[in-house]
Amino acid sequence: MAAETVTYSSLRRLIESRQFAPVYLLHGDEGYYIDELVKAFEEVIPEEDRAFDRTILYALENSPSRVIDFCRRCPMMGDRVVVIVKEAQVSGCGGNWLNALAPYAAAPSPSTVLVICSRGAEAKCKALTDAMKKGGGIVYESKKLNERSILPTIAEVVAERGLRIEPKAQEMLRDFVGTDLSRIYNQVGKLAMVLGPGATITPESIQRNIGISKDYNLFELIKALSLRDAPKAFTIVDYFRRNPKEIPYVLFSPNLANYFSNLLVTIYTPDKSDESLMSTLRIPKAWQLKEIRSGIRNYSAWQLIEIISEIRRFDARSKGVGSRMDPYDLFHELIFNILNARGHVNL
């Protein structure tokens, strides 16, 4: 029997329905989901029984054999024991420590739920995962969000909260939270409390309750750049300078690089139908192609190559590589260079 691999949402549903595997390995770079799953496992045992049937251990302070001893105990108050091992990623543990649990994972106690957490790091423990295949364990890898996964994740979190969201509002949230998963949940949770079940998140509700401007954000900046609307673009840049906490400058490079790279791909894509471009660019909604179509009318391939080079240069300089200028001065310069690109590229 293969060790089952699940998503965060499906694993939460299994826990809530009390369908437990005997062993779980929770690992990966994104700590938020692991933290939330651990909280759910900590609550499996009723509060009055936790002193007897729930054990929380830290890997560096306990040997694998001691963990196994706890797992072999019989329940005292209920029908199961929960053993949670935290921080298996720390120095001194790692693959050898985890692999020492393999004999138990291959033949686990049916009345014990063992949860092993390697938060912030991918676990390298082939012997353990192979043993979990035999024992019916579940492996969950929590991966960091990337630029392409932010919008689908926001949509998923919004749906989990019983809300809907307008496209522009979704883009605004993406610009505000970046790839920080905890901020996505926190901000959507805040909106759910204010708006109530079944509500639709609009740009106005985000501006009113979170403080993000519906007119001055990266979504509107990209729209202005797609039209080569210089006055609007520089107005937004000046707003960013005056409100640095609203849109951190570290979000500028990835968002602009993603947009202009998509333009370049689009130019060289023979089939420019909505379906083809959505598949090629991995864009889930047709409305997101509006700025793409505006952009390919206003920028040539050579201009795009020059622009992408300028974005990379800005990214390095904003991090202090070869420049001590204020990042917002550098960003103003970047927007000027984008709007005035002539396609002069040194090869």
C-alpha atoms as a PDB file:
ATOM      1  CA  MET A   1       0.000   0.000   0.000  1.00  0.00           C
ATOM      2  CA  ALA A   2       1.478   3.368  -1.044  1.00  0.00           C
ATOM      3  CA  ALA A   3       1.907   6.175   1.421  1.00  0.00           C
ATOM      4  CA  GLU A   4      -0.924   8.503   0.549  1.00  0.00           C
ATOM      5  CA  THR A   5      -0.121  12.063  -0.575  1.00  0.00           C
ATOM      6  CA  VAL A   6      -2.834  14.643   0.130  1.00  0.00           C
ATOM      7  CA  THR A   7      -3.505  18.355  -0.134  1.00  0.00           C
ATOM      8  CA  TYR A   8      -3.866  20.637   2.859  1.00  0.00           C
ATOM      9  CA  SER A   9      -7.638  20.966   2.372  1.00  0.00           C
ATOM     10  CA  SER A  10      -8.241  17.241   1.972  1.00  0.00           C
ATOM     11  CA  LEU A  11      -6.078  16.488   5.004  1.00  0.00           C
ATOM     12  CA  ARG A  12      -8.020  18.967   7.109  1.00  0.00           C
ATOM     13  CA  ARG A  13     -11.262  17.292   6.035  1.00  0.00           C
ATOM     14  CA  LEU A  14      -9.903  13.858   6.987  1.00  0.00           C
ATOM     15  CA  ILE A  15      -8.892  15.117  10.435  1.00  0.00           C
ATOM     16  CA  GLU A  16     -12.251  16.819  10.988  1.00  0.00           C
ATOM     17  CA  SER A  17     -14.079  13.615   9.993  1.00  0.00           C
ATOM     18  CA  ARG A  18     -11.744  11.663  12.324  1.00  0.00           C
ATOM     19  CA  GLN A  19     -10.384   9.446   9.571  1.00  0.00           C
ATOM     20  CA  PHE A  20      -6.831   8.968  10.769  1.00  0.00           C
ATOM     21  CA  ALA A  21      -3.775   7.319   9.307  1.00  0.00           C
ATOM     22  CA  PRO A  22      -1.367   5.754  11.804  1.00  0.00           C
ATOM     23  CA  VAL A  23       1.618   7.942  10.799  1.00  0.00           C
ATOM     24  CA  TYR A  24       1.889  11.404   9.225  1.00  0.00           C
ATOM     25  CA  LEU A  25       4.976  13.163   7.907  1.00  0.00           C
ATOM     26  CA  LEU A  26       4.373  16.910   7.546  1.00  0.00           C
ATOM     27  CA  HIS A  27       7.321  18.622   5.879  1.00  0.00           C
ATOM     28  CA  GLY A  28       8.219  21.445   3.496  1.00  0.00           C
ATOM     29  CA  ASP A  29       9.233  25.074   3.170  1.00  0.00           C
ATOM     30  CA  GLU A  30       5.823  26.629   3.913  1.00  0.00           C
ATOM     31  CA  GLY A  31       5.367  26.535   7.670  1.00  0.00           C
ATOM     32  CA  TYR A  32       1.847  27.989   7.836  1.00  0.00           C
ATOM     33  CA  TYR A  33      -0.007  24.882   6.657  1.00  0.00           C
ATOM     34  CA  ILE A  34       2.097  22.639   8.898  1.00  0.00           C
ATOM     35  CA  ASP A  35       1.336  24.840  11.917  1.00  0.00           C
ATOM     36  CA  GLU A  36      -2.392  24.726  11.177  1.00  0.00           C
ATOM     37  CA  LEU A  37      -2.390  20.944  10.762  1.00  0.00           C
ATOM     38  CA  VAL A  38      -0.488  20.516  14.030  1.00  0.00           C
ATOM     39  CA  LYS A  39      -3.127  22.627  15.802  1.00  0.00           C
ATOM     40  CA  ALA A  40      -5.816  20.337  14.388  1.00  0.00           C
ATOM     41  CA  PHE A  41      -3.980  17.201  15.550  1.00  0.00           C
ATOM     42  CA  GLU A  42      -3.438  18.730  19.012  1.00  0.00           C
ATOM     43  CA  GLU A  43      -7.214  19.036  19.381  1.00  0.00           C
ATOM     44  CA  VAL A  44      -8.002  15.443  18.382  1.00  0.00           C
ATOM     45  CA  ILE A  45      -7.854  14.311  22.024  1.00  0.00           C
ATOM     46  CA  PRO A  46     -10.466  15.968  24.294  1.00  0.00           C
ATOM     47  CA  GLU A  47      -8.975  18.531  26.641  1.00  0.00           C
ATOM     48  CA  GLU A  48      -9.747  16.508  29.760  1.00  0.00           C
ATOM     49  CA  ASP A  49      -7.865  13.460  28.368  1.00  0.00           C
ATOM     50  CA  ARG A  50      -4.783  15.179  26.968  1.00  0.00           C
ATOM     51  CA  ALA A  51      -2.603  14.602  30.026  1.00  0.00           C
ATOM     52  CA  PHE A  52      -2.988  10.855  29.453  1.00  0.00           C
ATOM     53  CA  ASP A  53      -3.446  10.312  25.722  1.00  0.00           C
ATOM     54  CA  ARG A  54      -1.584  13.179  24.016  1.00  0.00           C
ATOM     55  CA  THR A  55       2.191  13.604  23.942  1.00  0.00           C
ATOM     56  CA  ILE A  56       4.118  16.473  22.354  1.00  0.00           C
ATOM     57  CA  LEU A  57       7.829  15.859  21.865  1.00  0.00           C
ATOM     58  CA  TYR A  58      10.700  17.829  20.335  1.00  0.00           C
ATOM     59  CA  ALA A  59      12.991  15.817  18.112  1.00  0.00           C
ATOM     60  CA  LEU A  60      16.264  17.251  19.396  1.00  0.00           C
ATOM     61  CA  GLU A  61      15.319  16.403  22.988  1.00  0.00           C
ATOM     62  CA  ASN A  62      14.185  12.834  22.316  1.00  0.00           C
ATOM     63  CA  SER A  63      15.651   9.786  20.653  1.00  0.00           C
ATOM     64  CA  PRO A  64      13.682   7.888  17.985  1.00  0.00           C
ATOM     65  CA  SER A  65      13.452   4.914  20.350  1.00  0.00           C
ATOM     66  CA  ARG A  66      11.802   7.088  23.008  1.00  0.00           C
ATOM     67  CA  VAL A  67       9.292   8.346  20.423  1.00  0.00           C
ATOM     68  CA  ILE A  68       8.493   4.745  19.518  1.00  0.00           C
ATOM     69  CA  ASP A  69       8.012   3.869  23.201  1.00  0.00           C
ATOM     70  CA  PHE A  70       5.357   6.598  23.488  1.00  0.00           C
ATOM     71  CA  CYS A  71       3.695   5.332  20.307  1.00  0.00           C
ATOM     72  CA  ARG A  72       3.444   1.793  21.667  1.00  0.00           C
ATOM     73  CA  ARG A  73       1.458   2.886  24.714  1.00  0.00           C
ATOM     74  CA  CYS A  74      -2.198   1.936  24.976  1.00  0.00           C
ATOM     75  CA  PRO A  75      -4.871   4.652  25.313  1.00  0.00           C
ATOM     76  CA  MET A  76      -5.879   5.283  28.911  1.00  0.00           C
ATOM     77  CA  MET A  77      -9.007   7.421  28.538  1.00  0.00           C
ATOM     78  CA  GLY A  78     -10.211   7.181  24.944  1.00  0.00           C
ATOM     79  CA  ASP A  79      -9.706   5.017  21.882  1.00  0.00           C
ATOM     80  CA  ARG A  80      -6.410   6.460  20.626  1.00  0.00           C
ATOM     81  CA  VAL A  81      -3.100   8.039  21.550  1.00  0.00           C
ATOM     82  CA  VAL A  82      -1.737  11.087  19.661  1.00  0.00           C
ATOM     83  CA  VAL A  83       2.037  11.608  19.581  1.00  0.00           C
ATOM     84  CA  ILE A  84       3.305  14.801  17.904  1.00  0.00           C
ATOM     85  CA  VAL A  85       7.002  15.203  17.156  1.00  0.00           C
ATOM     86  CA  LYS A  86       7.993  18.796  16.404  1.00  0.00           C
ATOM     87  CA  GLU A  87      11.085  20.384  14.840  1.00  0.00           C
ATOM     88  CA  ALA A  88      12.449  17.280  13.159  1.00  0.00           C
ATOM     89  CA  GLN A  89      14.276  19.619  10.764  1.00  0.00           C
ATOM     90  CA  VAL A  90      16.673  21.023  13.356  1.00  0.00           C
ATOM     91  CA  SER A  91      20.412  20.358  13.259  1.00  0.00           C
ATOM     92  CA  GLY A  92      21.193  17.078  14.947  1.00  0.00           C
ATOM     93  CA  CYS A  93      18.067  15.327  13.701  1.00  0.00           C
ATOM     94  CA  GLY A  94      17.528  15.139   9.964  1.00  0.00           C
ATOM     95  CA  GLY A  95      17.424  12.046   7.780  1.00  0.00           C
ATOM     96  CA  ASN A  96      19.159   9.557  10.065  1.00  0.00           C
ATOM     97  CA  TRP A  97      16.973  10.490  13.021  1.00  0.00           C
ATOM     98  CA  LEU A  98      13.801  10.222  10.909  1.00  0.00           C
ATOM     99  CA  ASN A  99      14.855   6.977   9.241  1.00  0.00           C
ATOM    100  CA  ALA A 100      15.273   5.407  12.668  1.00  0.00           C
ATOM    101  CA  LEU A 101      11.480   5.601  12.955  1.00  0.00           C
ATOM    102  CA  ALA A 102      11.074   3.383   9.879  1.00  0.00           C
ATOM    103  CA  PRO A 103      10.578   0.066  11.740  1.00  0.00           C
ATOM    104  CA  TYR A 104       7.684   1.573  13.668  1.00  0.00           C
ATOM    105  CA  ALA A 105       6.180   3.267  10.584  1.00  0.00           C
ATOM    106  CA  ALA A 106       6.138  -0.068   8.725  1.00  0.00           C
ATOM    107  CA  ALA A 107       4.113  -1.729  11.505  1.00  0.00           C
ATOM    108  CA  PRO A 108       2.476   1.050  13.534  1.00  0.00           C
ATOM    109  CA  SER A 109       0.180   0.682  16.491  1.00  0.00           C
ATOM    110  CA  PRO A 110      -3.460   0.816  15.297  1.00  0.00           C
ATOM    111  CA  SER A 111      -4.489   2.912  18.312  1.00  0.00           C
ATOM    112  CA  THR A 112      -1.790   5.605  17.884  1.00  0.00           C
ATOM    113  CA  VAL A 113      -1.618   8.630  15.589  1.00  0.00           C
ATOM    114  CA  LEU A 114       2.013   9.677  15.131  1.00  0.00           C
ATOM    115  CA  VAL A 115       2.582  13.118  13.585  1.00  0.00           C
ATOM    116  CA  ILE A 116       6.147  14.013  12.559  1.00  0.00           C
ATOM    117  CA  CYS A 117       6.821  17.660  11.681  1.00  0.00           C
ATOM    118  CA  SER A 118       9.751  18.959   9.665  1.00  0.00           C
ATOM    119  CA  ARG A 119       8.719  22.602   9.484  1.00  0.00           C
ATOM    120  CA  GLY A 120      10.525  24.847   7.010  1.00  0.00           C
ATOM    121  CA  ALA A 121      12.510  22.097   5.334  1.00  0.00           C
ATOM    122  CA  GLU A 122      11.992  19.147   3.038  1.00  0.00           C
ATOM    123  CA  ALA A 123      12.598  15.911   4.913  1.00  0.00           C
ATOM    124  CA  LYS A 124      15.227  13.628   3.396  1.00  0.00           C
ATOM    125  CA  CYS A 125      14.239  10.257   4.806  1.00  0.00           C
ATOM    126  CA  LYS A 126      13.679   7.596   2.147  1.00  0.00           C
ATOM    127  CA  ALA A 127      13.728   4.703   4.606  1.00  0.00           C
ATOM    128  CA  LEU A 128      10.938   6.323   6.630  1.00  0.00           C
ATOM    129  CA  THR A 129       8.747   7.152   3.617  1.00  0.00           C
ATOM    130  CA  ASP A 130       9.263   3.661   2.188  1.00  0.00           C
ATOM    131  CA  ALA A 131       8.191   2.202   5.530  1.00  0.00           C
ATOM    132  CA  MET A 132       5.151   4.466   5.580  1.00  0.00           C
ATOM    133  CA  LYS A 133       4.080   2.955   2.267  1.00  0.00           C
ATOM    134  CA  LYS A 134       3.851  -0.402   3.997  1.00  0.00           C
ATOM    135  CA  GLY A 135       2.140   0.990   7.068  1.00  0.00           C
ATOM    136  CA  GLY A 136      -0.446   3.182   5.330  1.00  0.00           C
ATOM    137  CA  GLY A 137       1.016   6.507   6.397  1.00  0.00           C
ATOM    138  CA  ILE A 138       0.376   9.909   4.864  1.00  0.00           C
ATOM    139  CA  VAL A 139       3.077  12.261   3.575  1.00  0.00           C
ATOM    140  CA  TYR A 140       2.214  15.929   3.185  1.00  0.00           C
ATOM    141  CA  GLU A 141       4.688  18.386   1.663  1.00  0.00           C
ATOM    142  CA  SER A 142       3.855  22.039   2.278  1.00  0.00           C
ATOM    143  CA  LYS A 143       5.406  24.073  -0.534  1.00  0.00           C
ATOM    144  CA  LYS A 144       6.004  27.806  -0.656  1.00  0.00           C
ATOM    145  CA  LEU A 145       3.653  29.751  -2.894  1.00  0.00           C
ATOM    146  CA  ASN A 146       5.022  31.042  -6.178  1.00  0.00           C
ATOM    147  CA  GLU A 147       3.719  33.892  -8.310  1.00  0.00           C
ATOM    148  CA  ARG A 148       1.491  31.632 -10.397  1.00  0.00           C
ATOM    149  CA  SER A 149      -0.136  29.961  -7.417  1.00  0.00           C
ATOM    150  CA  ILE A 150      -1.116  33.085  -5.453  1.00  0.00           C
ATOM    151  CA  LEU A 151      -4.385  33.866  -7.256  1.00  0.00           C
ATOM    152  CA  PRO A 152      -5.697  30.254  -7.155  1.00  0.00           C
ATOM    153  CA  THR A 153      -4.778  30.073  -3.468  1.00  0.00           C
ATOM    154  CA  ILE A 154      -6.636  33.303  -2.704  1.00  0.00           C
ATOM    155  CA  ALA A 155      -9.678  31.958  -4.559  1.00  0.00           C
ATOM    156  CA  GLU A 156      -9.495  28.712  -2.566  1.00  0.00           C
ATOM    157  CA  VAL A 157      -9.203  30.497   0.785  1.00  0.00           C
ATOM    158  CA  VAL A 158     -12.077  32.838  -0.108  1.00  0.00           C
ATOM    159  CA  ALA A 159     -14.262  29.857  -1.038  1.00  0.00           C
ATOM    160  CA  GLU A 160     -13.334  28.077   2.216  1.00  0.00           C
ATOM    161  CA  ARG A 161     -14.683  31.120   4.072  1.00  0.00           C
ATOM    162  CA  GLY A 162     -17.968  30.973   2.152  1.00  0.00           C
ATOM    163  CA  LEU A 163     -17.267  34.195   0.253  1.00  0.00           C
ATOM    164  CA  ARG A 164     -16.913  35.270  -3.358  1.00  0.00           C
ATOM    165  CA  ILE A 165     -14.403  37.742  -4.752  1.00  0.00           C
ATOM    166  CA  GLU A 166     -14.348  40.095  -7.732  1.00  0.00           C
ATOM    167  CA  PRO A 167     -11.380  39.774 -10.134  1.00  0.00           C
ATOM    168  CA  LYS A 168      -9.890  43.184  -9.371  1.00  0.00           C
ATOM    169  CA  ALA A 169     -10.229  42.583  -5.626  1.00  0.00           C
ATOM    170  CA  GLN A 170      -8.405  39.286  -6.056  1.00  0.00           C
ATOM    171  CA  GLU A 171      -5.543  41.073  -7.829  1.00  0.00           C
ATOM    172  CA  MET A 172      -5.425  43.718  -5.104  1.00  0.00           C
ATOM    173  CA  LEU A 173      -5.078  41.082  -2.400  1.00  0.00           C
ATOM    174  CA  ARG A 174      -2.335  39.360  -4.370  1.00  0.00           C
ATOM    175  CA  ASP A 175      -0.395  42.610  -4.652  1.00  0.00           C
ATOM    176  CA  PHE A 176      -0.803  43.273  -0.936  1.00  0.00           C
ATOM    177  CA  VAL A 177       0.048  39.862   0.535  1.00  0.00           C
ATOM    178  CA  GLY A 178       2.604  38.608  -1.998  1.00  0.00           C
ATOM    179  CA  THR A 179       3.474  34.960  -1.348  1.00  0.00           C
ATOM    180  CA  ASP A 180       2.887  35.165   2.413  1.00  0.00           C
ATOM    181  CA  LEU A 181       0.317  32.447   3.069  1.00  0.00           C
ATOM    182  CA  SER A 182      -0.404  33.519   6.634  1.00  0.00           C
ATOM    183  CA  ARG A 183      -1.279  37.034   5.421  1.00  0.00           C
ATOM    184  CA  ILE A 184      -3.696  35.595   2.861  1.00  0.00           C
ATOM    185  CA  TYR A 185      -5.566  33.713   5.586  1.00  0.00           C
ATOM    186  CA  ASN A 186      -5.427  36.647   8.000  1.00  0.00           C
ATOM    187  CA  GLN A 187      -6.738  39.211   5.520  1.00  0.00           C
ATOM    188  CA  VAL A 188      -9.475  36.960   4.101  1.00  0.00           C
ATOM    189  CA  GLY A 189     -10.438  36.047   7.657  1.00  0.00           C
ATOM    190  CA  LYS A 190     -10.717  39.717   8.541  1.00  0.00           C
ATOM    191  CA  LEU A 191     -12.971  40.333   5.538  1.00  0.00           C
ATOM    192  CA  ALA A 192     -15.112  37.282   6.378  1.00  0.00           C
ATOM    193  CA  MET A 193     -15.756  38.636   9.883  1.00  0.00           C
ATOM    194  CA  VAL A 194     -16.702  42.072   8.589  1.00  0.00           C
ATOM    195  CA  LEU A 195     -18.700  41.110   5.497  1.00  0.00           C
ATOM    196  CA  GLY A 196     -20.469  37.979   6.737  1.00  0.00           C
ATOM    197  CA  PRO A 197     -21.267  34.646   5.033  1.00  0.00           C
ATOM    198  CA  GLY A 198     -22.034  34.661   1.300  1.00  0.00           C
ATOM    199  CA  ALA A 199     -20.718  38.197   0.722  1.00  0.00           C
ATOM    200  CA  THR A 200     -18.677  39.256  -2.281  1.00  0.00           C
ATOM    201  CA  ILE A 201     -15.275  40.825  -1.686  1.00  0.00           C
ATOM    202  CA  THR A 202     -15.068  43.964  -3.823  1.00  0.00           C
ATOM    203  CA  PRO A 203     -12.264  46.498  -4.363  1.00  0.00           C
ATOM    204  CA  GLU A 204     -14.271  48.935  -2.251  1.00  0.00           C
ATOM    205  CA  SER A 205     -14.567  46.480   0.667  1.00  0.00           C
ATOM    206  CA  ILE A 206     -10.811  45.855   0.543  1.00  0.00           C
ATOM    207  CA  GLN A 207     -10.079  49.581   0.526  1.00  0.00           C
ATOM    208  CA  ARG A 208     -12.530  50.165   3.385  1.00  0.00           C
ATOM    209  CA  ASN A 209     -11.486  47.262   5.631  1.00  0.00           C
ATOM    210  CA  ILE A 210      -7.837  46.565   4.796  1.00  0.00           C
ATOM    211  CA  GLY A 211      -6.696  49.966   3.613  1.00  0.00           C
ATOM    212  CA  ILE A 212      -5.467  49.012   0.142  1.00  0.00           C
ATOM    213  CA  SER A 213      -6.279  51.648  -2.467  1.00  0.00           C
ATOM    214  CA  LYS A 214      -8.494  50.355  -5.278  1.00  0.00           C
ATOM    215  CA  ASP A 215      -6.941  52.887  -7.663  1.00  0.00           C
ATOM    216  CA  TYR A 216      -3.260  52.729  -6.727  1.00  0.00           C
ATOM    217  CA  ASN A 217      -1.935  49.188  -6.715  1.00  0.00           C
ATOM    218  CA  LEU A 218       0.187  46.893  -8.878  1.00  0.00           C
ATOM    219  CA  PHE A 219      -2.873  45.744 -10.822  1.00  0.00           C
ATOM    220  CA  GLU A 220      -3.606  49.326 -11.867  1.00  0.00           C
ATOM    221  CA  LEU A 221       0.091  50.006 -12.553  1.00  0.00           C
ATOM    222  CA  ILE A 222       0.341  47.050 -14.930  1.00  0.00           C
ATOM    223  CA  LYS A 223      -2.868  48.193 -16.596  1.00  0.00           C
ATOM    224  CA  ALA A 224      -1.367  51.676 -17.101  1.00  0.00           C
ATOM    225  CA  LEU A 225       1.882  50.214 -18.451  1.00  0.00           C
ATOM    226  CA  SER A 226      -0.020  47.941 -20.818  1.00  0.00           C
ATOM    227  CA  LEU A 227      -1.596  51.087 -22.322  1.00  0.00           C
ATOM    228  CA  ARG A 228       1.647  53.091 -22.028  1.00  0.00           C
ATOM    229  CA  ASP A 229      -0.302  55.599 -19.971  1.00  0.00           C
ATOM    230  CA  ALA A 230       2.630  57.516 -18.479  1.00  0.00           C
ATOM    231  CA  PRO A 231       0.671  60.045 -16.329  1.00  0.00           C
ATOM    232  CA  LYS A 232      -1.310  57.273 -14.617  1.00  0.00           C
ATOM    233  CA  ALA A 233       1.770  55.082 -14.166  1.00  0.00           C
ATOM    234  CA  PHE A 234       3.832  57.818 -12.512  1.00  0.00           C
ATOM    235  CA  THR A 235       0.893  58.838 -10.311  1.00  0.00           C
ATOM    236  CA  ILE A 236       0.755  55.269  -8.994  1.00  0.00           C
ATOM    237  CA  VAL A 237       4.540  55.174  -8.488  1.00  0.00           C
ATOM    238  CA  ASP A 238       4.351  58.388  -6.443  1.00  0.00           C
ATOM    239  CA  TYR A 239       1.547  56.842  -4.358  1.00  0.00           C
ATOM    240  CA  PHE A 240       3.749  53.802  -3.659  1.00  0.00           C
ATOM    241  CA  ARG A 241       6.540  56.087  -2.487  1.00  0.00           C
ATOM    242  CA  ARG A 242       4.205  57.872  -0.064  1.00  0.00           C
ATOM    243  CA  ASN A 243       2.666  54.601   1.199  1.00  0.00           C
ATOM    244  CA  PRO A 244       5.562  52.106   1.368  1.00  0.00           C
ATOM    245  CA  LYS A 245       3.822  49.777   3.829  1.00  0.00           C
ATOM    246  CA  GLU A 246       0.884  49.232   1.493  1.00  0.00           C
ATOM    247  CA  ILE A 247       2.842  47.753  -1.427  1.00  0.00           C
ATOM    248  CA  PRO A 248       6.385  46.726  -0.376  1.00  0.00           C
ATOM    249  CA  TYR A 249       8.923  47.347  -3.126  1.00  0.00           C
ATOM    250  CA  VAL A 250      10.067  43.710  -2.969  1.00  0.00           C
ATOM    251  CA  LEU A 251       6.847  42.846  -4.838  1.00  0.00           C
ATOM    252  CA  PHE A 252       7.635  45.126  -7.790  1.00  0.00           C
ATOM    253  CA  SER A 253      10.150  42.951  -9.633  1.00  0.00           C
ATOM    254  CA  PRO A 254       8.313  39.588  -9.616  1.00  0.00           C
ATOM    255  CA  ASN A 255       4.986  41.095 -10.676  1.00  0.00           C
ATOM    256  CA  LEU A 256       6.442  43.191 -13.495  1.00  0.00           C
ATOM    257  CA  ALA A 257       8.777  40.424 -14.654  1.00  0.00           C
ATOM    258  CA  ASN A 258       5.865  37.983 -14.783  1.00  0.00           C
ATOM    259  CA  TYR A 259       3.722  40.383 -16.831  1.00  0.00           C
ATOM    260  CA  PHE A 260       6.355  41.377 -19.403  1.00  0.00           C
ATOM    261  CA  SER A 261       7.617  37.798 -19.723  1.00  0.00           C
ATOM    262  CA  ASN A 262       4.051  36.731 -20.479  1.00  0.00           C
ATOM    263  CA  LEU A 263       3.880  39.420 -23.166  1.00  0.00           C
ATOM    264  CA  LEU A 264       7.013  38.069 -24.811  1.00  0.00           C
ATOM    265  CA  VAL A 265       5.669  34.504 -24.720  1.00  0.00           C
ATOM    266  CA  THR A 266       2.364  35.716 -26.177  1.00  0.00           C
ATOM    267  CA  ILE A 267       4.051  37.421 -29.127  1.00  0.00           C
ATOM    268  CA  TYR A 268       5.681  34.132 -30.126  1.00  0.00           C
ATOM    269  CA  THR A 269       2.587  31.987 -29.498  1.00  0.00           C
ATOM    270  CA  PRO A 270       1.001  31.158 -32.894  1.00  0.00           C
ATOM    271  CA  ASP A 271      -2.491  30.522 -31.535  1.00  0.00           C
ATOM    272  CA  LYS A 272      -3.606  33.637 -29.670  1.00  0.00           C
ATOM    273  CA  SER A 273      -7.100  32.446 -28.829  1.00  0.00           C
ATOM    274  CA  ASP A 274      -8.215  32.802 -25.212  1.00  0.00           C
ATOM    275  CA  GLU A 275      -8.045  29.051 -24.652  1.00  0.00           C
ATOM    276  CA  SER A 276      -4.543  28.757 -26.089  1.00  0.00           C
ATOM    277  CA  LEU A 277      -3.124  31.717 -24.153  1.00  0.00           C
ATOM    278  CA  MET A 278      -4.748  30.650 -20.884  1.00  0.00           C
ATOM    279  CA  SER A 279      -3.111  27.235 -21.259  1.00  0.00           C
ATOM    280  CA  THR A 280       0.277  28.564 -22.403  1.00  0.00           C
ATOM    281  CA  LEU A 281       0.520  31.293 -19.763  1.00  0.00           C
ATOM    282  CA  ARG A 282      -1.196  29.225 -17.046  1.00  0.00           C
ATOM    283  CA  ILE A 283      -3.746  31.967 -16.537  1.00  0.00           C
ATOM    284  CA  PRO A 284      -6.968  30.572 -15.051  1.00  0.00           C
ATOM    285  CA  LYS A 285      -9.433  33.278 -16.141  1.00  0.00           C
ATOM    286  CA  ALA A 286     -10.026  34.849 -19.567  1.00  0.00           C
ATOM    287  CA  TRP A 287     -10.465  38.340 -18.065  1.00  0.00           C
ATOM    288  CA  GLN A 288      -6.804  38.264 -17.048  1.00  0.00           C
ATOM    289  CA  LEU A 289      -5.838  38.369 -20.736  1.00  0.00           C
ATOM    290  CA  LYS A 290      -7.096  41.942 -21.164  1.00  0.00           C
ATOM    291  CA  GLU A 291      -3.800  43.551 -20.131  1.00  0.00           C
ATOM    292  CA  ILE A 292      -1.887  40.924 -22.136  1.00  0.00           C
ATOM    293  CA  ARG A 293      -3.714  41.884 -25.315  1.00  0.00           C
ATOM    294  CA  SER A 294      -3.220  45.593 -24.600  1.00  0.00           C
ATOM    295  CA  GLY A 295       0.469  45.025 -23.982  1.00  0.00           C
ATOM    296  CA  ILE A 296       1.252  43.168 -27.221  1.00  0.00           C
ATOM    297  CA  ARG A 297      -0.289  46.062 -29.136  1.00  0.00           C
ATOM    298  CA  ASN A 298       2.047  48.533 -27.444  1.00  0.00           C
ATOM    299  CA  TYR A 299       5.367  46.693 -27.100  1.00  0.00           C
ATOM    300  CA  SER A 300       7.500  44.841 -29.638  1.00  0.00           C
ATOM    301  CA  ALA A 301       9.535  41.730 -28.855  1.00  0.00           C
ATOM    302  CA  TRP A 302      12.788  43.710 -28.805  1.00  0.00           C
ATOM    303  CA  GLN A 303      11.267  46.288 -26.471  1.00  0.00           C
ATOM    304  CA  LEU A 304      10.143  43.492 -24.146  1.00  0.00           C
ATOM    305  CA  ILE A 305      13.617  41.971 -24.071  1.00  0.00           C
ATOM    306  CA  GLU A 306      15.013  45.384 -23.136  1.00  0.00           C
ATOM    307  CA  ILE A 307      12.321  45.838 -20.453  1.00  0.00           C
ATOM    308  CA  ILE A 308      12.936  42.432 -18.870  1.00  0.00           C
ATOM    309  CA  SER A 309      16.641  43.286 -18.739  1.00  0.00           C
ATOM    310  CA  GLU A 310      15.809  46.588 -17.011  1.00  0.00           C
ATOM    311  CA  ILE A 311      13.602  44.791 -14.458  1.00  0.00           C
ATOM    312  CA  ARG A 312      16.435  42.411 -13.609  1.00  0.00           C
ATOM    313  CA  ARG A 313      18.784  45.358 -13.245  1.00  0.00           C
ATOM    314  CA  PHE A 314      16.299  47.133 -10.963  1.00  0.00           C
ATOM    315  CA  ASP A 315      15.868  43.989  -8.859  1.00  0.00           C
ATOM    316  CA  ALA A 316      19.608  43.703  -8.251  1.00  0.00           C
ATOM    317  CA  ARG A 317      20.101  47.413  -7.573  1.00  0.00           C
ATOM    318  CA  SER A 318      17.092  47.597  -5.201  1.00  0.00           C
ATOM    319  CA  LYS A 319      18.825  44.885  -3.143  1.00  0.00           C
ATOM    320  CA  GLY A 320      21.986  46.976  -2.913  1.00  0.00           C
ATOM    321  CA  VAL A 321      23.946  45.337  -5.716  1.00  0.00           C
ATOM    322  CA  GLY A 322      25.866  48.142  -7.417  1.00  0.00           C
ATOM    323  CA  SER A 323      23.644  50.922  -6.088  1.00  0.00           C
ATOM    324  CA  ARG A 324      22.822  52.815  -2.907  1.00  0.00           C
ATOM    325  CA  MET A 325      19.894  54.734  -4.384  1.00  0.00           C
ATOM    326  CA  ASP A 326      16.511  54.726  -2.667  1.00  0.00           C
ATOM    327  CA  PRO A 327      14.457  51.779  -4.048  1.00  0.00           C
ATOM    328  CA  TYR A 328      11.594  54.109  -4.948  1.00  0.00           C
ATOM    329  CA  ASP A 329      13.940  56.354  -6.940  1.00  0.00           C
ATOM    330  CA  LEU A 330      15.135  53.232  -8.729  1.00  0.00           C
ATOM    331  CA  PHE A 331      11.545  52.181  -9.345  1.00  0.00           C
ATOM    332  CA  HIS A 332      10.679  55.589 -10.810  1.00  0.00           C
ATOM    333  CA  GLU A 333      13.662  55.184 -13.130  1.00  0.00           C
ATOM    334  CA  LEU A 334      12.519  51.670 -14.074  1.00  0.00           C
ATOM    335  CA  ILE A 335       9.026  52.841 -15.017  1.00  0.00           C
ATOM    336  CA  PHE A 336      10.557  55.629 -17.135  1.00  0.00           C
ATOM    337  CA  ASN A 337      12.759  53.077 -18.902  1.00  0.00           C
ATOM    338  CA  ILE A 338       9.795  50.748 -19.504  1.00  0.00           C
ATOM    339  CA  LEU A 339       7.661  53.475 -21.012  1.00  0.00           C
ATOM    340  CA  ASN A 340      10.549  54.698 -23.175  1.00  0.00           C
ATOM    341  CA  ALA A 341      11.982  51.343 -24.242  1.00  0.00           C
ATOM    342  CA  ARG A 342      13.208  51.415 -27.829  1.00  0.00           C
ATOM    343  CA  GLY A 343      14.288  47.816 -28.178  1.00  0.00           C
ATOM    344  CA  HIS A 344      18.002  48.567 -28.083  1.00  0.00           C
ATOM    345  CA  VAL A 345      19.545  45.435 -26.656  1.00  0.00           C
ATOM    346  CA  ASN A 346      23.250  44.694 -26.350  1.00  0.00           C
ATOM    347  CA  LEU A 347      23.730  41.041 -27.251  1.00  0.00           C
END
